[in-house]
Amino acid sequence: MQLISVHPDVLHGQAHVRGTRIPVALVLGCLAEGMSEQEIVREYPTLTVEGIRAAAAYAAELTREDVFPLPMS
């Protein structure tokens, strides 16, 4: 989590990988599209594998918040 930053003056307050202007959401989108860590680093050279993993860990932590069951259809 030390590699993730949220600051109102950077990227309009979006969570991003510290030391870059790359939002966590962009990293997660790349992973969701099936890109490997190496492909993401090649596409965004300011990222590191550690930054990619920190973004994924940050997203995982967000999903651990209160969960409200959805009604069955």
N, C-alpha and C. Protein backbone atom coordinates (compact mmCIF):
# COMPACT_ATOMS: atom_id res chain seq x y z
N MET A 1 0.81 -1.19 0.00
CA MET A 1 0.00 0.00 0.00
C MET A 1 0.87 1.26 0.00
N GLN A 2 2.12 1.13 0.35
CA GLN A 2 3.00 2.30 0.35
C GLN A 2 3.24 2.82 -1.06
N LEU A 3 2.98 2.01 -2.06
CA LEU A 3 3.20 2.44 -3.45
C LEU A 3 1.97 3.08 -4.07
N ILE A 4 0.86 3.15 -3.32
CA ILE A 4 -0.36 3.75 -3.84
C ILE A 4 -0.56 5.10 -3.15
N SER A 5 -0.91 6.10 -3.94
CA SER A 5 -1.10 7.44 -3.41
C SER A 5 -2.43 8.00 -3.87
N VAL A 6 -3.06 8.77 -2.99
CA VAL A 6 -4.27 9.50 -3.34
C VAL A 6 -4.05 10.93 -2.87
N HIS A 7 -4.01 11.85 -3.81
CA HIS A 7 -3.78 13.26 -3.48
C HIS A 7 -4.68 14.10 -4.36
N PRO A 8 -5.40 15.06 -3.77
CA PRO A 8 -6.36 15.84 -4.56
C PRO A 8 -5.74 16.62 -5.72
N ASP A 9 -4.45 16.92 -5.63
CA ASP A 9 -3.81 17.69 -6.70
C ASP A 9 -3.21 16.83 -7.81
N VAL A 10 -3.30 15.51 -7.67
CA VAL A 10 -2.75 14.61 -8.68
C VAL A 10 -3.88 13.76 -9.24
N LEU A 11 -4.07 13.83 -10.54
CA LEU A 11 -5.09 13.04 -11.23
C LEU A 11 -6.48 13.22 -10.62
N HIS A 12 -6.76 14.44 -10.19
CA HIS A 12 -8.08 14.77 -9.63
C HIS A 12 -8.43 13.88 -8.45
N GLY A 13 -7.43 13.47 -7.69
CA GLY A 13 -7.66 12.66 -6.50
C GLY A 13 -7.81 11.17 -6.73
N GLN A 14 -7.60 10.72 -7.97
CA GLN A 14 -7.68 9.28 -8.24
C GLN A 14 -6.50 8.56 -7.60
N ALA A 15 -6.75 7.36 -7.12
CA ALA A 15 -5.66 6.53 -6.61
C ALA A 15 -4.71 6.23 -7.76
N HIS A 16 -3.43 6.38 -7.51
CA HIS A 16 -2.43 6.13 -8.55
C HIS A 16 -1.18 5.51 -7.94
N VAL A 17 -0.35 4.96 -8.80
CA VAL A 17 0.91 4.37 -8.35
C VAL A 17 1.87 5.51 -8.04
N ARG A 18 2.34 5.53 -6.81
CA ARG A 18 3.22 6.62 -6.33
C ARG A 18 4.41 6.80 -7.28
N GLY A 19 4.72 8.06 -7.54
CA GLY A 19 5.85 8.37 -8.41
C GLY A 19 5.50 8.34 -9.89
N THR A 20 4.23 8.06 -10.19
CA THR A 20 3.77 8.05 -11.58
C THR A 20 2.47 8.84 -11.65
N ARG A 21 1.97 9.02 -12.82
CA ARG A 21 0.64 9.59 -13.01
C ARG A 21 -0.27 8.51 -13.62
N ILE A 22 -0.04 7.29 -13.20
CA ILE A 22 -0.79 6.14 -13.73
C ILE A 22 -1.81 5.71 -12.68
N PRO A 23 -3.11 5.87 -13.02
CA PRO A 23 -4.14 5.50 -12.05
C PRO A 23 -4.23 3.99 -11.83
N VAL A 24 -4.63 3.63 -10.63
CA VAL A 24 -4.86 2.23 -10.29
C VAL A 24 -5.86 1.62 -11.27
N ALA A 25 -6.89 2.38 -11.62
CA ALA A 25 -7.93 1.87 -12.53
C ALA A 25 -7.33 1.47 -13.88
N LEU A 26 -6.36 2.20 -14.38
CA LEU A 26 -5.73 1.85 -15.65
C LEU A 26 -4.97 0.52 -15.52
N VAL A 27 -4.25 0.37 -14.42
CA VAL A 27 -3.50 -0.87 -14.19
C VAL A 27 -4.46 -2.05 -14.12
N LEU A 28 -5.56 -1.88 -13.38
CA LEU A 28 -6.54 -2.96 -13.25
C LEU A 28 -7.17 -3.28 -14.60
N GLY A 29 -7.44 -2.27 -15.40
CA GLY A 29 -7.98 -2.50 -16.73
C GLY A 29 -7.04 -3.33 -17.59
N CYS A 30 -5.76 -3.02 -17.51
CA CYS A 30 -4.77 -3.79 -18.27
C CYS A 30 -4.76 -5.25 -17.83
N LEU A 31 -4.78 -5.46 -16.51
CA LEU A 31 -4.81 -6.83 -15.99
C LEU A 31 -6.08 -7.54 -16.42
N ALA A 32 -7.21 -6.84 -16.39
CA ALA A 32 -8.48 -7.44 -16.78
C ALA A 32 -8.49 -7.82 -18.26
N GLU A 33 -7.75 -7.08 -19.07
CA GLU A 33 -7.65 -7.41 -20.50
C GLU A 33 -6.71 -8.57 -20.76
N GLY A 34 -6.05 -9.05 -19.70
CA GLY A 34 -5.16 -10.21 -19.86
C GLY A 34 -3.71 -9.86 -20.10
N MET A 35 -3.36 -8.59 -19.96
CA MET A 35 -1.95 -8.21 -20.15
C MET A 35 -1.12 -8.78 -18.99
N SER A 36 0.08 -9.22 -19.31
CA SER A 36 0.99 -9.69 -18.27
C SER A 36 1.65 -8.48 -17.61
N GLU A 37 2.26 -8.71 -16.46
CA GLU A 37 2.98 -7.62 -15.79
C GLU A 37 4.06 -7.04 -16.71
N GLN A 38 4.74 -7.92 -17.42
CA GLN A 38 5.82 -7.47 -18.31
C GLN A 38 5.26 -6.62 -19.45
N GLU A 39 4.11 -7.00 -20.00
CA GLU A 39 3.49 -6.22 -21.07
C GLU A 39 3.08 -4.84 -20.56
N ILE A 40 2.56 -4.78 -19.35
CA ILE A 40 2.14 -3.50 -18.78
C ILE A 40 3.35 -2.60 -18.56
N VAL A 41 4.43 -3.16 -18.03
CA VAL A 41 5.65 -2.37 -17.81
C VAL A 41 6.22 -1.88 -19.14
N ARG A 42 6.13 -2.71 -20.16
CA ARG A 42 6.61 -2.29 -21.48
C ARG A 42 5.76 -1.12 -22.00
N GLU A 43 4.46 -1.19 -21.80
CA GLU A 43 3.53 -0.15 -22.27
C GLU A 43 3.66 1.13 -21.44
N TYR A 44 3.91 0.97 -20.14
CA TYR A 44 4.01 2.10 -19.22
C TYR A 44 5.32 1.98 -18.45
N PRO A 45 6.42 2.43 -19.04
CA PRO A 45 7.75 2.19 -18.46
C PRO A 45 8.00 2.82 -17.08
N THR A 46 7.16 3.78 -16.67
CA THR A 46 7.36 4.34 -15.33
C THR A 46 6.82 3.41 -14.24
N LEU A 47 6.07 2.39 -14.63
CA LEU A 47 5.55 1.40 -13.68
C LEU A 47 6.60 0.34 -13.40
N THR A 48 6.46 -0.29 -12.26
CA THR A 48 7.26 -1.46 -11.92
C THR A 48 6.31 -2.61 -11.63
N VAL A 49 6.82 -3.79 -11.61
CA VAL A 49 6.01 -4.95 -11.25
C VAL A 49 5.46 -4.75 -9.83
N GLU A 50 6.26 -4.19 -8.95
CA GLU A 50 5.81 -3.94 -7.58
C GLU A 50 4.64 -2.95 -7.57
N GLY A 51 4.68 -1.94 -8.43
CA GLY A 51 3.59 -0.98 -8.53
C GLY A 51 2.31 -1.63 -9.04
N ILE A 52 2.45 -2.52 -9.99
CA ILE A 52 1.29 -3.25 -10.52
C ILE A 52 0.67 -4.11 -9.42
N ARG A 53 1.50 -4.80 -8.69
CA ARG A 53 0.99 -5.65 -7.60
C ARG A 53 0.38 -4.82 -6.48
N ALA A 54 0.94 -3.65 -6.23
CA ALA A 54 0.37 -2.76 -5.21
C ALA A 54 -1.01 -2.27 -5.65
N ALA A 55 -1.18 -1.98 -6.94
CA ALA A 55 -2.48 -1.55 -7.45
C ALA A 55 -3.50 -2.66 -7.27
N ALA A 56 -3.12 -3.89 -7.56
CA ALA A 56 -4.02 -5.02 -7.39
C ALA A 56 -4.36 -5.23 -5.91
N ALA A 57 -3.38 -5.07 -5.04
CA ALA A 57 -3.62 -5.23 -3.60
C ALA A 57 -4.54 -4.13 -3.09
N TYR A 58 -4.38 -2.92 -3.59
CA TYR A 58 -5.25 -1.81 -3.21
C TYR A 58 -6.69 -2.12 -3.61
N ALA A 59 -6.89 -2.58 -4.82
CA ALA A 59 -8.23 -2.94 -5.29
C ALA A 59 -8.81 -4.07 -4.46
N ALA A 60 -8.01 -5.05 -4.13
CA ALA A 60 -8.48 -6.16 -3.30
C ALA A 60 -8.92 -5.66 -1.94
N GLU A 61 -8.17 -4.74 -1.39
CA GLU A 61 -8.53 -4.18 -0.08
C GLU A 61 -9.86 -3.43 -0.16
N LEU A 62 -10.10 -2.72 -1.23
CA LEU A 62 -11.37 -2.00 -1.39
C LEU A 62 -12.56 -2.95 -1.42
N THR A 63 -12.37 -4.13 -1.95
CA THR A 63 -13.48 -5.08 -2.02
C THR A 63 -13.76 -5.73 -0.68
N ARG A 64 -12.89 -5.53 0.29
CA ARG A 64 -13.09 -6.11 1.62
C ARG A 64 -13.96 -5.23 2.51
N GLU A 65 -14.41 -4.09 1.98
CA GLU A 65 -15.28 -3.22 2.76
C GLU A 65 -16.66 -3.87 2.91
N ASP A 66 -17.54 -3.21 3.59
CA ASP A 66 -18.89 -3.73 3.81
C ASP A 66 -19.51 -4.19 2.49
N VAL A 67 -20.03 -5.38 2.51
CA VAL A 67 -20.68 -5.95 1.33
C VAL A 67 -22.16 -6.07 1.62
N PHE A 68 -22.96 -5.58 0.70
CA PHE A 68 -24.40 -5.65 0.85
C PHE A 68 -24.92 -6.66 -0.17
N PRO A 69 -25.61 -7.69 0.27
CA PRO A 69 -26.10 -8.70 -0.68
C PRO A 69 -27.09 -8.09 -1.66
N LEU A 70 -26.99 -8.51 -2.90
CA LEU A 70 -27.93 -8.06 -3.93
C LEU A 70 -29.16 -8.95 -3.90
N PRO A 71 -30.32 -8.38 -4.16
CA PRO A 71 -31.52 -9.21 -4.18
C PRO A 71 -31.45 -10.20 -5.35
N MET A 72 -32.03 -11.37 -5.14
CA MET A 72 -32.07 -12.40 -6.18
C MET A 72 -33.11 -11.97 -7.22
N SER A 73 -32.80 -12.20 -8.49
CA SER A 73 -33.78 -11.85 -9.52
C SER A 73 -34.74 -12.98 -9.79
